[in-house]
PDB file of N, CA and C in Angstrom:
ATOM      1  N   MET A   1      44.349  25.275  25.201  1.00  0.00           N
ATOM      2  CA  MET A   1      43.440  24.472  24.440  1.00  0.00           C
ATOM      3  C   MET A   1      43.992  24.358  23.032  1.00  0.00           C
ATOM      4  N   VAL A   2      43.927  23.172  22.473  1.00  0.00           N
ATOM      5  CA  VAL A   2      44.371  22.938  21.100  1.00  0.00           C
ATOM      6  C   VAL A   2      43.158  22.530  20.278  1.00  0.00           C
ATOM      7  N   THR A   3      42.982  23.186  19.132  1.00  0.00           N
ATOM      8  CA  THR A   3      41.823  22.894  18.296  1.00  0.00           C
ATOM      9  C   THR A   3      42.136  21.802  17.278  1.00  0.00           C
ATOM     10  N   ASP A   4      41.082  21.280  16.724  1.00  0.00           N
ATOM     11  CA  ASP A   4      41.167  20.383  15.579  1.00  0.00           C
ATOM     12  C   ASP A   4      41.566  21.226  14.365  1.00  0.00           C
ATOM     13  N   LYS A   5      41.735  20.603  13.224  1.00  0.00           N
ATOM     14  CA  LYS A   5      42.063  21.336  12.002  1.00  0.00           C
ATOM     15  C   LYS A   5      40.958  22.340  11.693  1.00  0.00           C
ATOM     16  N   ILE A   6      41.380  23.526  11.263  1.00  0.00           N
ATOM     17  CA  ILE A   6      40.461  24.595  10.886  1.00  0.00           C
ATOM     18  C   ILE A   6      40.713  24.889   9.408  1.00  0.00           C
ATOM     19  N   ASP A   7      39.672  24.786   8.591  1.00  0.00           N
ATOM     20  CA  ASP A   7      39.831  24.930   7.141  1.00  0.00           C
ATOM     21  C   ASP A   7      40.570  26.195   6.734  1.00  0.00           C
ATOM     22  N   VAL A   8      40.200  27.329   7.310  1.00  0.00           N
ATOM     23  CA  VAL A   8      40.831  28.590   6.919  1.00  0.00           C
ATOM     24  C   VAL A   8      42.322  28.595   7.274  1.00  0.00           C
ATOM     25  N   VAL A   9      42.697  27.973   8.359  1.00  0.00           N
ATOM     26  CA  VAL A   9      44.108  27.877   8.745  1.00  0.00           C
ATOM     27  C   VAL A   9      44.829  26.911   7.803  1.00  0.00           C
ATOM     28  N   LYS A  10      44.183  25.829   7.488  1.00  0.00           N
ATOM     29  CA  LYS A  10      44.762  24.821   6.600  1.00  0.00           C
ATOM     30  C   LYS A  10      45.080  25.399   5.217  1.00  0.00           C
ATOM     31  N   LYS A  11      44.268  26.344   4.744  1.00  0.00           N
ATOM     32  CA  LYS A  11      44.442  26.928   3.411  1.00  0.00           C
ATOM     33  C   LYS A  11      45.570  27.960   3.338  1.00  0.00           C
ATOM     34  N   ILE A  12      46.024  28.451   4.475  1.00  0.00           N
ATOM     35  CA  ILE A  12      47.073  29.480   4.487  1.00  0.00           C
ATOM     36  C   ILE A  12      48.421  28.819   4.212  1.00  0.00           C
ATOM     37  N   SER A  13      49.188  29.407   3.302  1.00  0.00           N
ATOM     38  CA  SER A  13      50.454  28.799   2.885  1.00  0.00           C
ATOM     39  C   SER A  13      51.642  29.200   3.760  1.00  0.00           C
ATOM     40  N   HIS A  14      51.446  30.112   4.670  1.00  0.00           N
ATOM     41  CA  HIS A  14      52.535  30.536   5.552  1.00  0.00           C
ATOM     42  C   HIS A  14      52.120  30.340   7.015  1.00  0.00           C
ATOM     43  N   ARG A  15      53.088  30.399   7.886  1.00  0.00           N
ATOM     44  CA  ARG A  15      52.804  30.259   9.315  1.00  0.00           C
ATOM     45  C   ARG A  15      52.198  31.562   9.834  1.00  0.00           C
ATOM     46  N   LEU A  16      51.147  31.442  10.620  1.00  0.00           N
ATOM     47  CA  LEU A  16      50.492  32.614  11.196  1.00  0.00           C
ATOM     48  C   LEU A  16      51.338  33.213  12.313  1.00  0.00           C
ATOM     49  N   PRO A  17      51.286  34.532  12.488  1.00  0.00           N
ATOM     50  CA  PRO A  17      51.999  35.146  13.620  1.00  0.00           C
ATOM     51  C   PRO A  17      51.270  34.829  14.927  1.00  0.00           C
ATOM     52  N   VAL A  18      51.976  34.972  16.014  1.00  0.00           N
ATOM     53  CA  VAL A  18      51.371  34.796  17.336  1.00  0.00           C
ATOM     54  C   VAL A  18      50.603  36.066  17.674  1.00  0.00           C
ATOM     55  N   LEU A  19      49.400  35.898  18.172  1.00  0.00           N
ATOM     56  CA  LEU A  19      48.572  37.020  18.605  1.00  0.00           C
ATOM     57  C   LEU A  19      48.526  36.986  20.127  1.00  0.00           C
ATOM     58  N   SER A  20      48.913  38.080  20.748  1.00  0.00           N
ATOM     59  CA  SER A  20      48.902  38.151  22.205  1.00  0.00           C
ATOM     60  C   SER A  20      48.028  39.321  22.631  1.00  0.00           C
ATOM     61  N   ASP A  21      46.989  39.026  23.389  1.00  0.00           N
ATOM     62  CA  ASP A  21      46.077  40.046  23.887  1.00  0.00           C
ATOM     63  C   ASP A  21      46.361  40.235  25.375  1.00  0.00           C
ATOM     64  N   ARG A  22      47.142  41.242  25.683  1.00  0.00           N
ATOM     65  CA  ARG A  22      47.541  41.475  27.081  1.00  0.00           C
ATOM     66  C   ARG A  22      46.356  41.854  27.959  1.00  0.00           C
ATOM     67  N   ASP A  23      45.390  42.587  27.393  1.00  0.00           N
ATOM     68  CA  ASP A  23      44.202  42.943  28.181  1.00  0.00           C
ATOM     69  C   ASP A  23      43.330  41.724  28.410  1.00  0.00           C
ATOM     70  N   GLY A  24      43.218  40.876  27.407  1.00  0.00           N
ATOM     71  CA  GLY A  24      42.401  39.679  27.519  1.00  0.00           C
ATOM     72  C   GLY A  24      43.118  38.528  28.194  1.00  0.00           C
ATOM     73  N   GLU A  25      44.416  38.691  28.411  1.00  0.00           N
ATOM     74  CA  GLU A  25      45.249  37.689  29.086  1.00  0.00           C
ATOM     75  C   GLU A  25      45.219  36.329  28.397  1.00  0.00           C
ATOM     76  N   TYR A  26      45.303  36.341  27.074  1.00  0.00           N
ATOM     77  CA  TYR A  26      45.398  35.092  26.324  1.00  0.00           C
ATOM     78  C   TYR A  26      46.282  35.325  25.108  1.00  0.00           C
ATOM     79  N   TYR A  27      46.690  34.236  24.500  1.00  0.00           N
ATOM     80  CA  TYR A  27      47.415  34.332  23.242  1.00  0.00           C
ATOM     81  C   TYR A  27      46.946  33.219  22.321  1.00  0.00           C
ATOM     82  N   LEU A  28      47.147  33.441  21.034  1.00  0.00           N
ATOM     83  CA  LEU A  28      46.797  32.464  20.004  1.00  0.00           C
ATOM     84  C   LEU A  28      48.043  32.189  19.183  1.00  0.00           C
ATOM     85  N   ARG A  29      48.228  30.948  18.806  1.00  0.00           N
ATOM     86  CA  ARG A  29      49.284  30.631  17.856  1.00  0.00           C
ATOM     87  C   ARG A  29      48.854  29.434  17.038  1.00  0.00           C
ATOM     88  N   GLN A  30      49.463  29.315  15.882  1.00  0.00           N
ATOM     89  CA  GLN A  30      49.145  28.192  15.013  1.00  0.00           C
ATOM     90  C   GLN A  30      49.714  26.913  15.604  1.00  0.00           C
ATOM     91  N   GLU A  31      48.932  25.865  15.519  1.00  0.00           N
ATOM     92  CA  GLU A  31      49.354  24.534  15.972  1.00  0.00           C
ATOM     93  C   GLU A  31      48.962  23.578  14.852  1.00  0.00           C
ATOM     94  N   GLY A  32      49.911  23.284  13.961  1.00  0.00           N
ATOM     95  CA  GLY A  32      49.601  22.471  12.791  1.00  0.00           C
ATOM     96  C   GLY A  32      48.597  23.212  11.922  1.00  0.00           C
ATOM     97  N   HIS A  33      47.485  22.574  11.612  1.00  0.00           N
ATOM     98  CA  HIS A  33      46.423  23.213  10.833  1.00  0.00           C
ATOM     99  C   HIS A  33      45.302  23.710  11.741  1.00  0.00           C
ATOM    100  N   GLY A  34      45.590  23.823  13.030  1.00  0.00           N
ATOM    101  CA  GLY A  34      44.632  24.352  13.987  1.00  0.00           C
ATOM    102  C   GLY A  34      45.259  25.498  14.758  1.00  0.00           C
ATOM    103  N   LEU A  35      44.690  25.797  15.907  1.00  0.00           N
ATOM    104  CA  LEU A  35      45.190  26.886  16.745  1.00  0.00           C
ATOM    105  C   LEU A  35      45.358  26.408  18.184  1.00  0.00           C
ATOM    106  N   LEU A  36      46.259  27.038  18.859  1.00  0.00           N
ATOM    107  CA  LEU A  36      46.430  26.836  20.289  1.00  0.00           C
ATOM    108  C   LEU A  36      46.037  28.147  20.954  1.00  0.00           C
ATOM    109  N   VAL A  37      45.161  28.073  21.942  1.00  0.00           N
ATOM    110  CA  VAL A  37      44.769  29.245  22.708  1.00  0.00           C
ATOM    111  C   VAL A  37      45.329  29.043  24.109  1.00  0.00           C
ATOM    112  N   GLY A  38      46.199  29.927  24.511  1.00  0.00           N
ATOM    113  CA  GLY A  38      46.769  29.870  25.850  1.00  0.00           C
ATOM    114  C   GLY A  38      46.212  31.003  26.685  1.00  0.00           C
ATOM    115  N   ALA A  39      45.869  30.721  27.909  1.00  0.00           N
ATOM    116  CA  ALA A  39      45.272  31.744  28.768  1.00  0.00           C
ATOM    117  C   ALA A  39      45.860  31.660  30.169  1.00  0.00           C
ATOM    118  N   HIS A  40      45.805  32.765  30.843  1.00  0.00           N
ATOM    119  CA  HIS A  40      46.238  32.842  32.234  1.00  0.00           C
ATOM    120  C   HIS A  40      45.022  33.194  33.070  1.00  0.00           C
ATOM    121  N   GLU A  41      44.775  32.415  34.084  1.00  0.00           N
ATOM    122  CA  GLU A  41      43.596  32.650  34.927  1.00  0.00           C
ATOM    123  C   GLU A  41      43.676  34.001  35.615  1.00  0.00           C
ATOM    124  N   ARG A  42      42.554  34.677  35.651  1.00  0.00           N
ATOM    125  CA  ARG A  42      42.483  35.931  36.396  1.00  0.00           C
ATOM    126  C   ARG A  42      42.264  35.643  37.886  1.00  0.00           C
ATOM    127  N   ASP A  43      41.365  34.712  38.163  1.00  0.00           N
ATOM    128  CA  ASP A  43      41.090  34.313  39.542  1.00  0.00           C
ATOM    129  C   ASP A  43      41.908  33.059  39.824  1.00  0.00           C
ATOM    130  N   VAL A  44      43.107  33.269  40.258  1.00  0.00           N
ATOM    131  CA  VAL A  44      44.063  32.183  40.417  1.00  0.00           C
ATOM    132  C   VAL A  44      43.595  31.178  41.466  1.00  0.00           C
ATOM    133  N   HIS A  45      43.754  29.913  41.151  1.00  0.00           N
ATOM    134  CA  HIS A  45      43.459  28.826  42.081  1.00  0.00           C
ATOM    135  C   HIS A  45      44.796  28.300  42.603  1.00  0.00           C
ATOM    136  N   LEU A  46      45.108  28.651  43.821  1.00  0.00           N
ATOM    137  CA  LEU A  46      46.373  28.209  44.404  1.00  0.00           C
ATOM    138  C   LEU A  46      46.288  26.730  44.762  1.00  0.00           C
ATOM    139  N   TRP A  47      47.343  26.017  44.523  1.00  0.00           N
ATOM    140  CA  TRP A  47      47.330  24.581  44.809  1.00  0.00           C
ATOM    141  C   TRP A  47      48.504  24.150  45.685  1.00  0.00           C
ATOM    142  N   ALA A  48      49.526  24.958  45.805  1.00  0.00           N
ATOM    143  CA  ALA A  48      50.668  24.613  46.657  1.00  0.00           C
ATOM    144  C   ALA A  48      51.183  25.905  47.287  1.00  0.00           C
ATOM    145  N   GLU A  49      50.402  26.441  48.216  1.00  0.00           N
ATOM    146  CA  GLU A  49      50.748  27.732  48.806  1.00  0.00           C
ATOM    147  C   GLU A  49      51.995  27.687  49.675  1.00  0.00           C
ATOM    148  N   ASP A  50      52.189  26.608  50.380  1.00  0.00           N
ATOM    149  CA  ASP A  50      53.322  26.530  51.305  1.00  0.00           C
ATOM    150  C   ASP A  50      54.627  26.159  50.598  1.00  0.00           C
ATOM    151  N   GLU A  51      54.545  25.198  49.709  1.00  0.00           N
ATOM    152  CA  GLU A  51      55.724  24.790  48.946  1.00  0.00           C
ATOM    153  C   GLU A  51      55.297  23.849  47.826  1.00  0.00           C
ATOM    154  N   THR A  52      56.080  23.833  46.770  1.00  0.00           N
ATOM    155  CA  THR A  52      55.813  22.905  45.678  1.00  0.00           C
ATOM    156  C   THR A  52      56.256  21.521  46.150  1.00  0.00           C
ATOM    157  N   PRO A  53      55.379  20.524  46.037  1.00  0.00           N
ATOM    158  CA  PRO A  53      55.765  19.174  46.460  1.00  0.00           C
ATOM    159  C   PRO A  53      57.030  18.707  45.739  1.00  0.00           C
ATOM    160  N   LEU A  54      57.917  18.046  46.460  1.00  0.00           N
ATOM    161  CA  LEU A  54      59.184  17.603  45.876  1.00  0.00           C
ATOM    162  C   LEU A  54      58.995  16.650  44.706  1.00  0.00           C
ATOM    163  N   ASN A  55      57.894  15.906  44.687  1.00  0.00           N
ATOM    164  CA  ASN A  55      57.678  14.949  43.602  1.00  0.00           C
ATOM    165  C   ASN A  55      56.903  15.553  42.427  1.00  0.00           C
ATOM    166  N   PHE A  56      56.643  16.853  42.460  1.00  0.00           N
ATOM    167  CA  PHE A  56      55.905  17.495  41.381  1.00  0.00           C
ATOM    168  C   PHE A  56      56.834  17.720  40.197  1.00  0.00           C
ATOM    169  N   ALA A  57      56.410  17.268  39.034  1.00  0.00           N
ATOM    170  CA  ALA A  57      57.247  17.399  37.832  1.00  0.00           C
ATOM    171  C   ALA A  57      56.424  17.941  36.669  1.00  0.00           C
ATOM    172  N   HIS A  58      55.728  19.020  36.893  1.00  0.00           N
ATOM    173  CA  HIS A  58      54.917  19.670  35.861  1.00  0.00           C
ATOM    174  C   HIS A  58      53.777  18.796  35.352  1.00  0.00           C
ATOM    175  N   GLU A  59      53.144  18.072  36.246  1.00  0.00           N
ATOM    176  CA  GLU A  59      51.971  17.294  35.870  1.00  0.00           C
ATOM    177  C   GLU A  59      50.832  18.244  35.514  1.00  0.00           C
ATOM    178  N   PHE A  60      49.840  17.714  34.827  1.00  0.00           N
ATOM    179  CA  PHE A  60      48.670  18.506  34.478  1.00  0.00           C
ATOM    180  C   PHE A  60      47.559  18.238  35.475  1.00  0.00           C
ATOM    181  N   PHE A  61      46.700  19.232  35.611  1.00  0.00           N
ATOM    182  CA  PHE A  61      45.507  19.102  36.438  1.00  0.00           C
ATOM    183  C   PHE A  61      44.353  18.628  35.554  1.00  0.00           C
ATOM    184  N   PRO A  62      43.247  18.207  36.160  1.00  0.00           N
ATOM    185  CA  PRO A  62      42.102  17.783  35.334  1.00  0.00           C
ATOM    186  C   PRO A  62      41.650  18.912  34.402  1.00  0.00           C
ATOM    187  N   ASP A  63      41.193  18.532  33.207  1.00  0.00           N
ATOM    188  CA  ASP A  63      40.696  19.523  32.254  1.00  0.00           C
ATOM    189  C   ASP A  63      39.593  20.348  32.894  1.00  0.00           C
ATOM    190  N   ASN A  64      39.632  21.653  32.656  1.00  0.00           N
ATOM    191  CA  ASN A  64      38.592  22.534  33.183  1.00  0.00           C
ATOM    192  C   ASN A  64      38.503  23.758  32.272  1.00  0.00           C
ATOM    193  N   ILE A  65      37.813  23.597  31.171  1.00  0.00           N
ATOM    194  CA  ILE A  65      37.726  24.674  30.186  1.00  0.00           C
ATOM    195  C   ILE A  65      36.970  25.882  30.732  1.00  0.00           C
ATOM    196  N   ALA A  66      36.172  25.675  31.755  1.00  0.00           N
ATOM    197  CA  ALA A  66      35.428  26.793  32.360  1.00  0.00           C
ATOM    198  C   ALA A  66      36.376  27.857  32.911  1.00  0.00           C
ATOM    199  N   LEU A  67      37.579  27.460  33.308  1.00  0.00           N
ATOM    200  CA  LEU A  67      38.547  28.419  33.857  1.00  0.00           C
ATOM    201  C   LEU A  67      38.965  29.466  32.838  1.00  0.00           C
ATOM    202  N   ILE A  68      38.922  29.106  31.552  1.00  0.00           N
ATOM    203  CA  ILE A  68      39.366  30.047  30.524  1.00  0.00           C
ATOM    204  C   ILE A  68      38.228  30.448  29.577  1.00  0.00           C
ATOM    205  N   GLU A  69      37.000  30.218  29.998  1.00  0.00           N
ATOM    206  CA  GLU A  69      35.849  30.506  29.137  1.00  0.00           C
ATOM    207  C   GLU A  69      35.831  31.953  28.652  1.00  0.00           C
ATOM    208  N   ASP A  70      36.046  32.910  29.539  1.00  0.00           N
ATOM    209  CA  ASP A  70      36.040  34.322  29.131  1.00  0.00           C
ATOM    210  C   ASP A  70      37.137  34.602  28.111  1.00  0.00           C
ATOM    211  N   ASP A  71      38.309  33.999  28.320  1.00  0.00           N
ATOM    212  CA  ASP A  71      39.415  34.188  27.383  1.00  0.00           C
ATOM    213  C   ASP A  71      39.079  33.608  26.015  1.00  0.00           C
ATOM    214  N   LEU A  72      38.432  32.459  26.002  1.00  0.00           N
ATOM    215  CA  LEU A  72      38.043  31.844  24.731  1.00  0.00           C
ATOM    216  C   LEU A  72      37.040  32.700  23.986  1.00  0.00           C
ATOM    217  N   LEU A  73      36.082  33.260  24.713  1.00  0.00           N
ATOM    218  CA  LEU A  73      35.094  34.139  24.080  1.00  0.00           C
ATOM    219  C   LEU A  73      35.773  35.375  23.494  1.00  0.00           C
ATOM    220  N   ASN A  74      36.740  35.934  24.208  1.00  0.00           N
ATOM    221  CA  ASN A  74      37.497  37.081  23.687  1.00  0.00           C
ATOM    222  C   ASN A  74      38.292  36.676  22.450  1.00  0.00           C
ATOM    223  N   ALA A  75      38.904  35.516  22.486  1.00  0.00           N
ATOM    224  CA  ALA A  75      39.696  35.037  21.357  1.00  0.00           C
ATOM    225  C   ALA A  75      38.811  34.825  20.133  1.00  0.00           C
ATOM    226  N   MET A  76      37.580  34.372  20.357  1.00  0.00           N
ATOM    227  CA  MET A  76      36.658  34.147  19.240  1.00  0.00           C
ATOM    228  C   MET A  76      36.273  35.449  18.547  1.00  0.00           C
ATOM    229  N   GLU A  77      36.350  36.561  19.270  1.00  0.00           N
ATOM    230  CA  GLU A  77      36.087  37.855  18.635  1.00  0.00           C
ATOM    231  C   GLU A  77      37.186  38.181  17.627  1.00  0.00           C
ATOM    232  N   TRP A  78      38.432  37.820  17.944  1.00  0.00           N
ATOM    233  CA  TRP A  78      39.567  38.076  17.047  1.00  0.00           C
ATOM    234  C   TRP A  78      39.658  37.025  15.943  1.00  0.00           C
ATOM    235  N   MET A  79      39.315  35.807  16.280  1.00  0.00           N
ATOM    236  CA  MET A  79      39.409  34.688  15.339  1.00  0.00           C
ATOM    237  C   MET A  79      38.086  33.935  15.343  1.00  0.00           C
ATOM    238  N   PRO A  80      37.081  34.435  14.609  1.00  0.00           N
ATOM    239  CA  PRO A  80      35.751  33.813  14.619  1.00  0.00           C
ATOM    240  C   PRO A  80      35.764  32.330  14.256  1.00  0.00           C
ATOM    241  N   CYS A  81      36.770  31.874  13.525  1.00  0.00           N
ATOM    242  CA  CYS A  81      36.829  30.456  13.148  1.00  0.00           C
ATOM    243  C   CYS A  81      36.963  29.548  14.371  1.00  0.00           C
ATOM    244  N   LEU A  82      37.365  30.103  15.504  1.00  0.00           N
ATOM    245  CA  LEU A  82      37.461  29.312  16.742  1.00  0.00           C
ATOM    246  C   LEU A  82      36.099  28.826  17.222  1.00  0.00           C
ATOM    247  N   ALA A  83      35.056  29.592  16.917  1.00  0.00           N
ATOM    248  CA  ALA A  83      33.719  29.268  17.416  1.00  0.00           C
ATOM    249  C   ALA A  83      33.227  27.913  16.910  1.00  0.00           C
ATOM    250  N   ASP A  84      33.655  27.529  15.720  1.00  0.00           N
ATOM    251  CA  ASP A  84      33.214  26.259  15.149  1.00  0.00           C
ATOM    252  C   ASP A  84      34.280  25.169  15.207  1.00  0.00           C
ATOM    253  N   ALA A  85      35.415  25.480  15.786  1.00  0.00           N
ATOM    254  CA  ALA A  85      36.525  24.523  15.821  1.00  0.00           C
ATOM    255  C   ALA A  85      36.296  23.459  16.884  1.00  0.00           C
ATOM    256  N   GLY A  86      36.648  22.240  16.543  1.00  0.00           N
ATOM    257  CA  GLY A  86      36.616  21.176  17.541  1.00  0.00           C
ATOM    258  C   GLY A  86      37.819  21.290  18.460  1.00  0.00           C
ATOM    259  N   ILE A  87      37.681  20.755  19.642  1.00  0.00           N
ATOM    260  CA  ILE A  87      38.772  20.799  20.626  1.00  0.00           C
ATOM    261  C   ILE A  87      39.443  19.436  20.666  1.00  0.00           C
ATOM    262  N   ILE A  88      40.753  19.424  20.439  1.00  0.00           N
ATOM    263  CA  ILE A  88      41.517  18.177  20.537  1.00  0.00           C
ATOM    264  C   ILE A  88      41.929  17.925  21.971  1.00  0.00           C
ATOM    265  N   ARG A  89      42.393  18.991  22.631  1.00  0.00           N
ATOM    266  CA  ARG A  89      42.961  18.799  23.961  1.00  0.00           C
ATOM    267  C   ARG A  89      42.886  20.085  24.767  1.00  0.00           C
ATOM    268  N   VAL A  90      42.585  19.935  26.028  1.00  0.00           N
ATOM    269  CA  VAL A  90      42.660  21.036  26.979  1.00  0.00           C
ATOM    270  C   VAL A  90      43.831  20.725  27.894  1.00  0.00           C
ATOM    271  N   ILE A  91      44.713  21.687  28.041  1.00  0.00           N
ATOM    272  CA  ILE A  91      45.899  21.485  28.875  1.00  0.00           C
ATOM    273  C   ILE A  91      45.769  22.415  30.070  1.00  0.00           C
ATOM    274  N   ASN A  92      45.690  21.844  31.251  1.00  0.00           N
ATOM    275  CA  ASN A  92      45.522  22.619  32.469  1.00  0.00           C
ATOM    276  C   ASN A  92      46.736  22.357  33.351  1.00  0.00           C
ATOM    277  N   GLY A  93      47.709  23.239  33.238  1.00  0.00           N
ATOM    278  CA  GLY A  93      48.944  23.061  33.995  1.00  0.00           C
ATOM    279  C   GLY A  93      49.220  24.240  34.889  1.00  0.00           C
ATOM    280  N   SER A  94      50.204  24.083  35.702  1.00  0.00           N
ATOM    281  CA  SER A  94      50.538  25.141  36.661  1.00  0.00           C
ATOM    282  C   SER A  94      51.595  26.072  36.101  1.00  0.00           C
ATOM    283  N   MET A  95      51.564  27.271  36.607  1.00  0.00           N
ATOM    284  CA  MET A  95      52.633  28.230  36.393  1.00  0.00           C
ATOM    285  C   MET A  95      53.284  28.357  37.765  1.00  0.00           C
ATOM    286  N   ILE A  96      54.529  28.061  37.838  1.00  0.00           N
ATOM    287  CA  ILE A  96      55.195  28.104  39.138  1.00  0.00           C
ATOM    288  C   ILE A  96      55.881  29.456  39.289  1.00  0.00           C
ATOM    289  N   TRP A  97      55.377  30.226  40.224  1.00  0.00           N
ATOM    290  CA  TRP A  97      55.923  31.559  40.503  1.00  0.00           C
ATOM    291  C   TRP A  97      56.377  31.606  41.958  1.00  0.00           C
ATOM    292  N   SER A  98      57.419  32.335  42.181  1.00  0.00           N
ATOM    293  CA  SER A  98      57.854  32.540  43.553  1.00  0.00           C
ATOM    294  C   SER A  98      56.922  33.565  44.211  1.00  0.00           C
ATOM    295  N   PRO A  99      56.932  33.665  45.533  1.00  0.00           N
ATOM    296  CA  PRO A  99      56.029  34.591  46.219  1.00  0.00           C
ATOM    297  C   PRO A  99      56.151  36.041  45.740  1.00  0.00           C
ATOM    298  N   ASP A 100      57.340  36.439  45.253  1.00  0.00           N
ATOM    299  CA  ASP A 100      57.509  37.816  44.778  1.00  0.00           C
ATOM    300  C   ASP A 100      57.265  37.928  43.267  1.00  0.00           C
ATOM    301  N   SER A 101      56.710  36.879  42.662  1.00  0.00           N
ATOM    302  CA  SER A 101      56.351  36.834  41.235  1.00  0.00           C
ATOM    303  C   SER A 101      57.546  36.764  40.290  1.00  0.00           C
ATOM    304  N   ASN A 102      58.721  36.517  40.785  1.00  0.00           N
ATOM    305  CA  ASN A 102      59.869  36.286  39.912  1.00  0.00           C
ATOM    306  C   ASN A 102      59.891  34.817  39.523  1.00  0.00           C
ATOM    307  N   VAL A 103      60.341  34.540  38.341  1.00  0.00           N
ATOM    308  CA  VAL A 103      60.355  33.145  37.886  1.00  0.00           C
ATOM    309  C   VAL A 103      61.579  32.420  38.367  1.00  0.00           C
TER     310      VAL A 103
END
Protein backbone atom coordinates (compact mmCIF):
# COMPACT_ATOMS: atom_id res chain seq x y z
CA MET A 1 0.00 0.00 0.00
CA VAL A 2 1.28 3.47 -0.85
CA THR A 3 0.05 6.45 1.14
CA ASP A 4 -0.63 10.00 0.13
CA LYS A 5 1.73 12.71 1.41
CA ILE A 6 2.09 12.70 5.19
CA ASP A 7 2.96 16.06 6.77
CA VAL A 8 5.39 14.65 9.34
CA VAL A 9 7.25 12.73 6.61
CA LYS A 10 7.27 15.76 4.34
CA LYS A 11 8.94 17.87 7.07
CA ILE A 12 11.86 15.45 7.56
CA SER A 13 14.98 16.60 5.72
CA HIS A 14 16.56 13.16 5.39
CA ARG A 15 15.40 9.82 4.03
CA LEU A 16 13.78 7.58 6.63
CA PRO A 17 15.29 4.14 7.31
CA VAL A 18 13.36 1.02 6.36
CA LEU A 19 11.48 -0.53 9.26
CA SER A 20 11.01 -4.28 9.08
CA ASP A 21 8.83 -6.08 11.61
CA ARG A 22 9.59 -9.77 11.20
CA ASP A 23 6.99 -10.78 13.80
CA GLY A 24 4.35 -8.60 12.21
CA GLU A 25 5.41 -9.71 8.72
CA TYR A 26 5.40 -6.21 7.24
CA TYR A 27 7.83 -3.47 6.41
CA LEU A 28 7.63 0.30 6.05
CA ARG A 29 9.70 2.54 3.85
CA GLN A 30 9.54 6.10 2.67
CA GLU A 31 7.88 6.64 -0.69
CA GLY A 32 8.32 10.28 -1.67
CA HIS A 33 6.59 12.29 1.06
CA GLY A 34 4.48 9.29 2.06
CA LEU A 35 5.07 5.71 3.14
CA LEU A 36 4.90 2.32 1.53
CA VAL A 37 3.67 -0.54 3.71
CA GLY A 38 4.57 -3.96 2.38
CA ALA A 39 3.09 -7.08 3.91
CA HIS A 40 3.19 -10.81 3.40
CA GLU A 41 -0.03 -12.72 3.87
CA ARG A 42 -0.12 -15.16 6.74
CA ASP A 43 -3.02 -17.13 5.28
CA VAL A 44 -1.68 -17.58 1.80
CA HIS A 45 -4.13 -17.66 -1.10
CA LEU A 46 -2.70 -20.01 -3.69
CA TRP A 47 -3.52 -19.10 -7.26
CA ALA A 48 -1.30 -21.35 -9.41
CA GLU A 49 -0.67 -24.53 -7.45
CA ASP A 50 0.17 -26.75 -10.40
CA GLU A 51 2.28 -24.33 -12.42
CA THR A 52 2.68 -20.65 -13.15
CA PRO A 53 0.84 -19.88 -16.40
CA LEU A 54 3.29 -19.31 -19.26
CA ASN A 55 1.68 -15.95 -20.08
CA PHE A 56 1.98 -14.65 -16.50
CA ALA A 57 4.27 -11.63 -16.32
CA HIS A 58 3.90 -10.36 -12.76
CA GLU A 59 0.42 -8.93 -13.23
CA PHE A 60 -1.41 -7.60 -10.20
CA PHE A 61 -4.50 -9.07 -8.63
CA PRO A 62 -7.55 -6.99 -7.70
CA ASP A 63 -6.99 -4.65 -4.75
CA ASN A 64 -7.85 -6.32 -1.46
CA ILE A 65 -6.69 -4.31 1.53
CA ALA A 66 -8.50 -6.73 3.86
CA LEU A 67 -5.69 -9.24 3.22
CA ILE A 68 -3.20 -7.01 5.03
CA GLU A 69 -5.52 -5.35 7.55
CA ASP A 70 -3.79 -6.88 10.59
CA ASP A 71 -0.40 -5.81 9.24
CA LEU A 72 -1.63 -2.26 8.70
CA LEU A 73 -2.96 -2.08 12.25
CA ASN A 74 0.41 -3.29 13.56
CA ALA A 75 2.22 -0.75 11.39
CA MET A 76 -0.01 2.03 12.75
CA GLU A 77 1.24 1.21 16.24
CA TRP A 78 4.81 1.97 15.09
CA MET A 79 3.86 4.88 12.84
CA PRO A 80 0.64 6.49 14.15
CA CYS A 81 0.67 8.96 11.24
CA LEU A 82 -0.48 6.05 9.03
CA ALA A 83 -3.89 6.09 10.71
CA ASP A 84 -4.79 9.41 9.09
CA ALA A 85 -2.93 8.93 5.81
CA GLY A 86 -4.81 8.68 2.56
CA ILE A 87 -4.18 5.68 0.35
CA ILE A 88 -2.91 6.33 -3.17
CA ARG A 89 -2.58 2.75 -4.29
CA VAL A 90 -2.93 -0.81 -3.10
CA ILE A 91 -0.64 -3.24 -4.87
CA ASN A 92 -1.70 -6.88 -4.70
CA GLY A 93 0.86 -9.00 -6.46
CA SER A 94 2.17 -12.50 -6.26
CA MET A 95 5.31 -13.82 -4.71
CA ILE A 96 6.50 -16.68 -6.84
CA TRP A 97 8.08 -19.40 -4.72
CA SER A 98 9.09 -22.87 -5.70
CA PRO A 99 7.50 -25.78 -3.80
CA ASP A 100 10.56 -26.00 -1.51
CA SER A 101 10.37 -22.21 -0.80
CA ASN A 102 13.57 -21.39 -2.68
CA VAL A 103 13.37 -18.40 -4.97
